[in-house]
Amino acid sequence: MLESEKLAIAAHLHVVMRRKIGRVTDVEWMIRSPEYAREIIRVALSDPQHVELLDWANRLQDALFPASLAKPERRADAPDSRLPGDFADSRLKNPLSPKAPPPPRYVGSLR
């Protein structure tokens, strides 16, 4: 399948997810990162109420992960699926704590 066709399917899924469940996705990254694409497909398939969402998620899954490539032979240098992936590295290490509001700028009246 052409890259442009995969991008078109991902764009359709993005629009449907935004309209139906309010979820915003990154279409370009969905095509580039198999891990991100699998997670987006999982989220889309977890909502069975929206048939259109299920349809586009299945189309994207078929486009990005064809049945012949769905279960490739495990190679010795393949990463272990039980270990955290690249998403763990992108999470915020130290969440910001809420700060006290700044003091008011104008104490009295304006001149």
C-alpha atoms as a PDB file:
ATOM      1  CA  MET A   1       0.000   0.000   0.000  1.00  0.00           C
ATOM      2  CA  LEU A   2       1.262   3.476  -0.820  1.00  0.00           C
ATOM      3  CA  GLU A   3       2.387   5.820   1.931  1.00  0.00           C
ATOM      4  CA  SER A   4      -0.219   8.370   0.806  1.00  0.00           C
ATOM      5  CA  GLU A   5      -2.996   5.793   1.195  1.00  0.00           C
ATOM      6  CA  LYS A   6      -1.855   4.968   4.722  1.00  0.00           C
ATOM      7  CA  LEU A   7      -1.745   8.677   5.526  1.00  0.00           C
ATOM      8  CA  ALA A   8      -5.271   9.160   4.163  1.00  0.00           C
ATOM      9  CA  ILE A   9      -6.643   6.330   6.315  1.00  0.00           C
ATOM     10  CA  ALA A  10      -4.853   7.703   9.390  1.00  0.00           C
ATOM     11  CA  ALA A  11      -6.268  11.171   8.668  1.00  0.00           C
ATOM     12  CA  HIS A  12      -9.798   9.776   8.409  1.00  0.00           C
ATOM     13  CA  LEU A  13      -9.359   7.930  11.701  1.00  0.00           C
ATOM     14  CA  HIS A  14      -8.027  11.131  13.296  1.00  0.00           C
ATOM     15  CA  VAL A  15     -11.105  13.103  12.211  1.00  0.00           C
ATOM     16  CA  VAL A  16     -13.533  10.407  13.364  1.00  0.00           C
ATOM     17  CA  MET A  17     -11.804  10.072  16.745  1.00  0.00           C
ATOM     18  CA  ARG A  18     -11.862  13.836  17.239  1.00  0.00           C
ATOM     19  CA  ARG A  19     -15.561  14.092  16.376  1.00  0.00           C
ATOM     20  CA  LYS A  20     -16.840  10.969  18.122  1.00  0.00           C
ATOM     21  CA  ILE A  21     -14.726  10.687  21.284  1.00  0.00           C
ATOM     22  CA  GLY A  22     -12.892  14.026  21.438  1.00  0.00           C
ATOM     23  CA  ARG A  23      -9.456  12.437  21.027  1.00  0.00           C
ATOM     24  CA  VAL A  24      -6.784  14.339  19.089  1.00  0.00           C
ATOM     25  CA  THR A  25      -4.002  12.312  17.467  1.00  0.00           C
ATOM     26  CA  ASP A  26      -0.829  12.938  15.488  1.00  0.00           C
ATOM     27  CA  VAL A  27      -1.432  11.599  11.988  1.00  0.00           C
ATOM     28  CA  GLU A  28       2.190  11.772  10.809  1.00  0.00           C
ATOM     29  CA  TRP A  29       3.488  10.027  13.920  1.00  0.00           C
ATOM     30  CA  MET A  30       0.779   7.383  13.580  1.00  0.00           C
ATOM     31  CA  ILE A  31       2.316   6.365  10.238  1.00  0.00           C
ATOM     32  CA  ARG A  32       5.934   6.541  11.471  1.00  0.00           C
ATOM     33  CA  SER A  33       5.627   4.799  14.860  1.00  0.00           C
ATOM     34  CA  PRO A  34       4.123   1.292  14.950  1.00  0.00           C
ATOM     35  CA  GLU A  35       3.863   1.455  18.758  1.00  0.00           C
ATOM     36  CA  TYR A  36       1.861   4.710  18.618  1.00  0.00           C
ATOM     37  CA  ALA A  37      -0.328   3.361  15.803  1.00  0.00           C
ATOM     38  CA  ARG A  38      -1.130   0.209  17.781  1.00  0.00           C
ATOM     39  CA  GLU A  39      -2.117   2.293  20.803  1.00  0.00           C
ATOM     40  CA  ILE A  40      -4.369   4.574  18.723  1.00  0.00           C
ATOM     41  CA  ILE A  41      -5.976   1.526  17.107  1.00  0.00           C
ATOM     42  CA  ARG A  42      -6.484  -0.030  20.558  1.00  0.00           C
ATOM     43  CA  VAL A  43      -8.188   3.141  21.825  1.00  0.00           C
ATOM     44  CA  ALA A  44     -10.398   3.332  18.734  1.00  0.00           C
ATOM     45  CA  LEU A  45     -11.411  -0.327  18.966  1.00  0.00           C
ATOM     46  CA  SER A  46     -12.200  -0.033  22.680  1.00  0.00           C
ATOM     47  CA  ASP A  47     -15.285   2.079  21.937  1.00  0.00           C
ATOM     48  CA  PRO A  48     -17.801  -0.279  20.249  1.00  0.00           C
ATOM     49  CA  GLN A  49     -20.585   2.344  20.181  1.00  0.00           C
ATOM     50  CA  HIS A  50     -19.203   4.075  17.096  1.00  0.00           C
ATOM     51  CA  VAL A  51     -19.277   1.790  14.060  1.00  0.00           C
ATOM     52  CA  GLU A  52     -17.475   4.322  11.859  1.00  0.00           C
ATOM     53  CA  LEU A  53     -14.628   4.503  14.370  1.00  0.00           C
ATOM     54  CA  LEU A  54     -14.290   0.709  14.395  1.00  0.00           C
ATOM     55  CA  ASP A  55     -14.300   0.621  10.595  1.00  0.00           C
ATOM     56  CA  TRP A  56     -11.478   3.166  10.212  1.00  0.00           C
ATOM     57  CA  ALA A  57      -9.442   1.573  13.002  1.00  0.00           C
ATOM     58  CA  ASN A  58      -9.676  -1.801  11.270  1.00  0.00           C
ATOM     59  CA  ARG A  59      -8.714  -0.215   7.944  1.00  0.00           C
ATOM     60  CA  LEU A  60      -5.652   1.392   9.501  1.00  0.00           C
ATOM     61  CA  GLN A  61      -4.689  -1.857  11.192  1.00  0.00           C
ATOM     62  CA  ASP A  62      -4.948  -3.714   7.873  1.00  0.00           C
ATOM     63  CA  ALA A  63      -2.934  -1.011   6.097  1.00  0.00           C
ATOM     64  CA  LEU A  64      -0.113  -0.723   8.628  1.00  0.00           C
ATOM     65  CA  PHE A  65       0.012  -4.311   9.867  1.00  0.00           C
ATOM     66  CA  PRO A  66      -0.989  -6.691   7.045  1.00  0.00           C
ATOM     67  CA  ALA A  67      -1.912 -10.238   8.050  1.00  0.00           C
ATOM     68  CA  SER A  68       1.223 -11.680   6.444  1.00  0.00           C
ATOM     69  CA  LEU A  69       3.368  -9.373   8.583  1.00  0.00           C
ATOM     70  CA  ALA A  70       1.225  -9.465  11.711  1.00  0.00           C
ATOM     71  CA  LYS A  71       3.215 -12.210  13.462  1.00  0.00           C
ATOM     72  CA  PRO A  72       6.774 -12.145  12.178  1.00  0.00           C
ATOM     73  CA  GLU A  73       9.352 -14.615  13.419  1.00  0.00           C
ATOM     74  CA  ARG A  74      10.954 -13.448  16.619  1.00  0.00           C
ATOM     75  CA  ARG A  75      14.597 -12.598  16.053  1.00  0.00           C
ATOM     76  CA  ALA A  76      17.277 -12.634  18.716  1.00  0.00           C
ATOM     77  CA  ASP A  77      17.859  -8.889  18.394  1.00  0.00           C
ATOM     78  CA  ALA A  78      14.149  -7.978  18.604  1.00  0.00           C
ATOM     79  CA  PRO A  79      13.233  -5.943  21.701  1.00  0.00           C
ATOM     80  CA  ASP A  80      11.420  -7.690  24.516  1.00  0.00           C
ATOM     81  CA  SER A  81       7.749  -6.664  24.543  1.00  0.00           C
ATOM     82  CA  ARG A  82       7.648  -6.861  28.341  1.00  0.00           C
ATOM     83  CA  LEU A  83      10.136  -4.015  28.654  1.00  0.00           C
ATOM     84  CA  PRO A  84       8.908  -0.414  28.500  1.00  0.00           C
ATOM     85  CA  GLY A  85       9.022   1.090  25.020  1.00  0.00           C
ATOM     86  CA  ASP A  86       9.859   4.566  23.795  1.00  0.00           C
ATOM     87  CA  PHE A  87       6.687   5.992  25.310  1.00  0.00           C
ATOM     88  CA  ALA A  88       8.059   5.518  28.819  1.00  0.00           C
ATOM     89  CA  ASP A  89      10.948   7.829  27.943  1.00  0.00           C
ATOM     90  CA  SER A  90       8.593  10.613  26.876  1.00  0.00           C
ATOM     91  CA  ARG A  91       6.669  10.801  30.140  1.00  0.00           C
ATOM     92  CA  LEU A  92       7.280  13.666  32.524  1.00  0.00           C
ATOM     93  CA  LYS A  93       9.754  12.592  35.202  1.00  0.00           C
ATOM     94  CA  ASN A  94       8.909  15.164  37.895  1.00  0.00           C
ATOM     95  CA  PRO A  95       5.395  16.553  37.627  1.00  0.00           C
ATOM     96  CA  LEU A  96       5.200  20.254  38.318  1.00  0.00           C
ATOM     97  CA  SER A  97       3.693  21.142  41.660  1.00  0.00           C
ATOM     98  CA  PRO A  98       1.134  23.951  41.730  1.00  0.00           C
ATOM     99  CA  LYS A  99       2.651  27.260  42.791  1.00  0.00           C
ATOM    100  CA  ALA A 100       1.079  29.921  44.954  1.00  0.00           C
ATOM    101  CA  PRO A 101      -0.625  32.653  42.929  1.00  0.00           C
ATOM    102  CA  PRO A 102       1.493  35.764  42.399  1.00  0.00           C
ATOM    103  CA  PRO A 103       0.697  38.816  44.545  1.00  0.00           C
ATOM    104  CA  PRO A 104      -1.659  41.339  42.974  1.00  0.00           C
ATOM    105  CA  ARG A 105       0.109  43.911  40.797  1.00  0.00           C
ATOM    106  CA  TYR A 106      -2.064  46.904  41.611  1.00  0.00           C
ATOM    107  CA  VAL A 107      -2.607  47.439  45.309  1.00  0.00           C
ATOM    108  CA  GLY A 108      -4.433  50.733  45.203  1.00  0.00           C
ATOM    109  CA  SER A 109      -6.264  52.576  42.497  1.00  0.00           C
ATOM    110  CA  LEU A 110      -4.882  53.651  39.169  1.00  0.00           C
ATOM    111  CA  ARG A 111      -3.748  57.277  38.880  1.00  0.00           C
END
